[in-house]
């Protein structure tokens, strides 16, 4: 294992810990997007550009967007129930 791969793995592990320790769902979605970028870099270092591109599209954009839309829909439904 090269030093670059080991450093990328350590950064990805730290990013995963940051996602878990983030408080609210909205902030966690933003942190998850950054974690997706870290995984993309890891896959590029591991010479898997196709997996990196898929991770970039899905993990950095689609999943956080879906989480944010779900949080917003739940907040809107909670406001309607209170009325």
N, C-alpha and C. Protein backbone atom coordinates (compact mmCIF):
# COMPACT_ATOMS: atom_id res chain seq x y z
N UNK A 1 0.85 -1.17 0.00
CA UNK A 1 0.00 0.00 0.00
C UNK A 1 0.90 1.24 0.00
N UNK A 2 0.62 2.13 -0.91
CA UNK A 2 1.44 3.33 -0.99
C UNK A 2 1.01 4.35 0.06
N UNK A 3 1.82 5.33 0.23
CA UNK A 3 1.54 6.38 1.20
C UNK A 3 0.30 7.17 0.77
N UNK A 4 0.13 7.39 -0.51
CA UNK A 4 -1.02 8.14 -1.02
C UNK A 4 -2.33 7.41 -0.73
N UNK A 5 -2.35 6.10 -0.94
CA UNK A 5 -3.55 5.31 -0.66
C UNK A 5 -3.84 5.31 0.83
N UNK A 6 -2.81 5.16 1.64
CA UNK A 6 -3.00 5.17 3.10
C UNK A 6 -3.53 6.52 3.57
N UNK A 7 -3.00 7.60 3.02
CA UNK A 7 -3.48 8.93 3.39
C UNK A 7 -4.93 9.13 2.96
N UNK A 8 -5.28 8.65 1.77
CA UNK A 8 -6.66 8.77 1.30
C UNK A 8 -7.62 7.97 2.18
N UNK A 9 -7.19 6.79 2.61
CA UNK A 9 -8.03 5.98 3.49
C UNK A 9 -8.24 6.66 4.85
N UNK A 10 -7.19 7.28 5.37
CA UNK A 10 -7.31 7.98 6.65
C UNK A 10 -8.27 9.17 6.52
N UNK A 11 -8.16 9.90 5.42
CA UNK A 11 -9.04 11.05 5.21
C UNK A 11 -10.49 10.60 5.04
N UNK A 12 -10.71 9.50 4.33
CA UNK A 12 -12.07 8.97 4.16
C UNK A 12 -12.63 8.50 5.50
N UNK A 13 -11.81 7.87 6.31
CA UNK A 13 -12.26 7.44 7.64
C UNK A 13 -12.63 8.64 8.51
N UNK A 14 -11.84 9.69 8.45
CA UNK A 14 -12.15 10.91 9.21
C UNK A 14 -13.43 11.56 8.68
N UNK A 15 -13.61 11.53 7.37
CA UNK A 15 -14.83 12.10 6.79
C UNK A 15 -16.07 11.32 7.20
N UNK A 16 -15.96 10.00 7.25
CA UNK A 16 -17.09 9.18 7.70
C UNK A 16 -17.44 9.46 9.14
N UNK A 17 -16.43 9.65 9.96
CA UNK A 17 -16.67 10.00 11.36
C UNK A 17 -17.34 11.37 11.46
N UNK A 18 -16.94 12.30 10.62
CA UNK A 18 -17.56 13.63 10.63
C UNK A 18 -19.04 13.56 10.24
N UNK A 19 -19.37 12.71 9.27
CA UNK A 19 -20.77 12.55 8.87
C UNK A 19 -21.60 12.00 10.02
N UNK A 20 -21.07 11.01 10.71
CA UNK A 20 -21.81 10.38 11.81
C UNK A 20 -22.00 11.35 12.97
N UNK A 21 -21.01 12.18 13.24
CA UNK A 21 -21.08 13.08 14.39
C UNK A 21 -21.81 14.39 14.09
N UNK A 22 -22.22 14.61 12.85
CA UNK A 22 -22.95 15.83 12.50
C UNK A 22 -24.35 15.76 13.06
N UNK A 23 -24.83 16.89 13.58
CA UNK A 23 -26.08 16.93 14.32
C UNK A 23 -27.35 16.69 13.52
N UNK A 24 -27.86 17.70 12.86
CA UNK A 24 -29.17 17.62 12.22
C UNK A 24 -29.12 16.96 10.86
N UNK A 25 -30.28 16.54 10.36
CA UNK A 25 -30.32 15.87 9.06
C UNK A 25 -29.89 16.77 7.90
N UNK A 26 -30.24 18.05 7.95
CA UNK A 26 -29.85 18.95 6.86
C UNK A 26 -28.33 19.14 6.83
N UNK A 27 -27.74 19.36 7.98
CA UNK A 27 -26.29 19.50 8.04
C UNK A 27 -25.59 18.20 7.69
N UNK A 28 -26.22 17.09 8.06
CA UNK A 28 -25.64 15.79 7.75
C UNK A 28 -25.65 15.54 6.24
N UNK A 29 -26.67 16.02 5.55
CA UNK A 29 -26.73 15.86 4.09
C UNK A 29 -25.60 16.62 3.42
N UNK A 30 -25.30 17.81 3.92
CA UNK A 30 -24.20 18.61 3.36
C UNK A 30 -22.87 17.91 3.63
N UNK A 31 -22.70 17.40 4.84
CA UNK A 31 -21.48 16.68 5.18
C UNK A 31 -21.35 15.41 4.35
N UNK A 32 -22.48 14.75 4.09
CA UNK A 32 -22.47 13.55 3.27
C UNK A 32 -22.02 13.85 1.85
N UNK A 33 -22.38 15.02 1.35
CA UNK A 33 -21.93 15.42 0.01
C UNK A 33 -20.41 15.56 -0.02
N UNK A 34 -19.85 16.17 1.01
CA UNK A 34 -18.39 16.27 1.09
C UNK A 34 -17.73 14.91 1.21
N UNK A 35 -18.38 14.01 1.94
CA UNK A 35 -17.86 12.64 2.07
C UNK A 35 -17.87 11.94 0.71
N UNK A 36 -18.89 12.22 -0.09
CA UNK A 36 -18.93 11.66 -1.45
C UNK A 36 -17.74 12.12 -2.28
N UNK A 37 -17.36 13.38 -2.11
CA UNK A 37 -16.17 13.87 -2.82
C UNK A 37 -14.90 13.17 -2.33
N UNK A 38 -14.82 12.93 -1.03
CA UNK A 38 -13.66 12.21 -0.51
C UNK A 38 -13.57 10.80 -1.08
N UNK A 39 -14.72 10.14 -1.17
CA UNK A 39 -14.73 8.79 -1.77
C UNK A 39 -14.34 8.83 -3.24
N UNK A 40 -14.76 9.87 -3.94
CA UNK A 40 -14.38 10.02 -5.35
C UNK A 40 -12.87 10.13 -5.48
N UNK A 41 -12.25 10.91 -4.61
CA UNK A 41 -10.79 11.04 -4.63
C UNK A 41 -10.13 9.70 -4.31
N UNK A 42 -10.67 8.98 -3.34
CA UNK A 42 -10.12 7.67 -2.99
C UNK A 42 -10.18 6.73 -4.19
N UNK A 43 -11.31 6.70 -4.89
CA UNK A 43 -11.42 5.82 -6.05
C UNK A 43 -10.47 6.24 -7.16
N UNK A 44 -10.23 7.53 -7.31
CA UNK A 44 -9.26 8.00 -8.31
C UNK A 44 -7.85 7.55 -7.93
N UNK A 45 -7.53 7.62 -6.64
CA UNK A 45 -6.20 7.18 -6.18
C UNK A 45 -6.04 5.67 -6.39
N UNK A 46 -7.13 4.94 -6.20
CA UNK A 46 -7.09 3.49 -6.39
C UNK A 46 -7.21 3.07 -7.86
N UNK A 47 -7.17 4.05 -8.75
CA UNK A 47 -7.22 3.84 -10.19
C UNK A 47 -8.50 3.15 -10.64
N UNK A 48 -9.62 3.63 -10.12
CA UNK A 48 -10.94 3.16 -10.51
C UNK A 48 -11.78 4.37 -10.93
N UNK A 49 -11.44 4.99 -12.08
CA UNK A 49 -12.14 6.23 -12.45
C UNK A 49 -13.62 6.03 -12.75
N UNK A 50 -14.01 4.86 -13.25
CA UNK A 50 -15.42 4.63 -13.54
C UNK A 50 -16.24 4.61 -12.25
N UNK A 51 -15.72 3.98 -11.22
CA UNK A 51 -16.40 3.95 -9.93
C UNK A 51 -16.40 5.35 -9.32
N UNK A 52 -15.31 6.08 -9.50
CA UNK A 52 -15.23 7.45 -9.00
C UNK A 52 -16.25 8.36 -9.64
N UNK A 53 -16.45 8.22 -10.95
CA UNK A 53 -17.46 9.04 -11.64
C UNK A 53 -18.86 8.70 -11.17
N UNK A 54 -19.14 7.42 -10.97
CA UNK A 54 -20.45 7.01 -10.47
C UNK A 54 -20.66 7.55 -9.05
N UNK A 55 -19.63 7.48 -8.23
CA UNK A 55 -19.72 8.02 -6.87
C UNK A 55 -19.92 9.52 -6.89
N UNK A 56 -19.26 10.19 -7.81
CA UNK A 56 -19.41 11.64 -7.93
C UNK A 56 -20.85 12.01 -8.25
N UNK A 57 -21.46 11.28 -9.17
CA UNK A 57 -22.83 11.59 -9.56
C UNK A 57 -23.83 11.22 -8.47
N UNK A 58 -23.72 10.02 -7.94
CA UNK A 58 -24.72 9.52 -6.99
C UNK A 58 -24.44 10.02 -5.58
N UNK A 59 -23.24 9.81 -5.09
CA UNK A 59 -22.96 10.10 -3.69
C UNK A 59 -22.80 11.56 -3.37
N UNK A 60 -22.41 12.36 -4.35
CA UNK A 60 -22.18 13.77 -4.09
C UNK A 60 -23.40 14.62 -4.41
N UNK A 61 -24.22 14.18 -5.35
CA UNK A 61 -25.35 15.00 -5.78
C UNK A 61 -26.68 14.37 -5.43
N UNK A 62 -26.94 13.17 -5.87
CA UNK A 62 -28.28 12.59 -5.80
C UNK A 62 -28.69 12.26 -4.36
N UNK A 63 -27.85 11.57 -3.62
CA UNK A 63 -28.23 11.15 -2.26
C UNK A 63 -28.44 12.36 -1.34
N UNK A 64 -27.52 13.33 -1.28
CA UNK A 64 -27.80 14.50 -0.43
C UNK A 64 -29.04 15.28 -0.87
N UNK A 65 -29.28 15.36 -2.18
CA UNK A 65 -30.48 16.03 -2.67
C UNK A 65 -31.74 15.31 -2.20
N UNK A 66 -31.74 14.00 -2.27
CA UNK A 66 -32.90 13.23 -1.80
C UNK A 66 -33.11 13.41 -0.30
N UNK A 67 -32.03 13.44 0.46
CA UNK A 67 -32.16 13.65 1.91
C UNK A 67 -32.73 15.03 2.20
N UNK A 68 -32.23 16.05 1.51
CA UNK A 68 -32.73 17.41 1.74
C UNK A 68 -34.21 17.53 1.34
N UNK A 69 -34.60 16.92 0.24
CA UNK A 69 -36.01 16.95 -0.15
C UNK A 69 -36.89 16.23 0.85
N UNK A 70 -36.42 15.13 1.40
CA UNK A 70 -37.18 14.40 2.41
C UNK A 70 -37.32 15.21 3.69
N UNK A 71 -36.25 15.85 4.12
CA UNK A 71 -36.31 16.69 5.32
C UNK A 71 -37.31 17.82 5.12
N UNK A 72 -37.27 18.43 3.95
CA UNK A 72 -38.19 19.53 3.66
C UNK A 72 -39.64 19.05 3.62
N UNK A 73 -39.89 17.90 3.00
CA UNK A 73 -41.24 17.37 2.94
C UNK A 73 -41.76 17.01 4.32
N UNK A 74 -40.91 16.44 5.17
CA UNK A 74 -41.33 16.11 6.53
C UNK A 74 -41.63 17.36 7.34
N UNK A 75 -40.83 18.40 7.18
CA UNK A 75 -41.08 19.65 7.89
C UNK A 75 -42.39 20.28 7.43
N UNK A 76 -42.65 20.23 6.14
CA UNK A 76 -43.90 20.78 5.60
C UNK A 76 -45.10 19.98 6.12
N UNK A 77 -44.99 18.67 6.17
CA UNK A 77 -46.09 17.84 6.67
C UNK A 77 -46.32 18.08 8.17
N UNK A 78 -45.27 18.30 8.92
CA UNK A 78 -45.41 18.59 10.35
C UNK A 78 -46.10 19.92 10.58
N UNK A 79 -45.78 20.92 9.74
CA UNK A 79 -46.45 22.22 9.86
C UNK A 79 -47.94 22.10 9.55
N UNK A 80 -48.29 21.29 8.55
CA UNK A 80 -49.70 21.11 8.21
C UNK A 80 -50.46 20.41 9.31
N UNK A 81 -49.82 19.45 9.99
CA UNK A 81 -50.48 18.72 11.07
C UNK A 81 -50.74 19.61 12.27
N UNK A 82 -49.90 20.61 12.49
CA UNK A 82 -50.06 21.50 13.63
C UNK A 82 -51.22 22.47 13.44
N UNK A 83 -51.61 22.73 12.23
CA UNK A 83 -52.70 23.70 11.98
C UNK A 83 -54.03 23.16 12.30
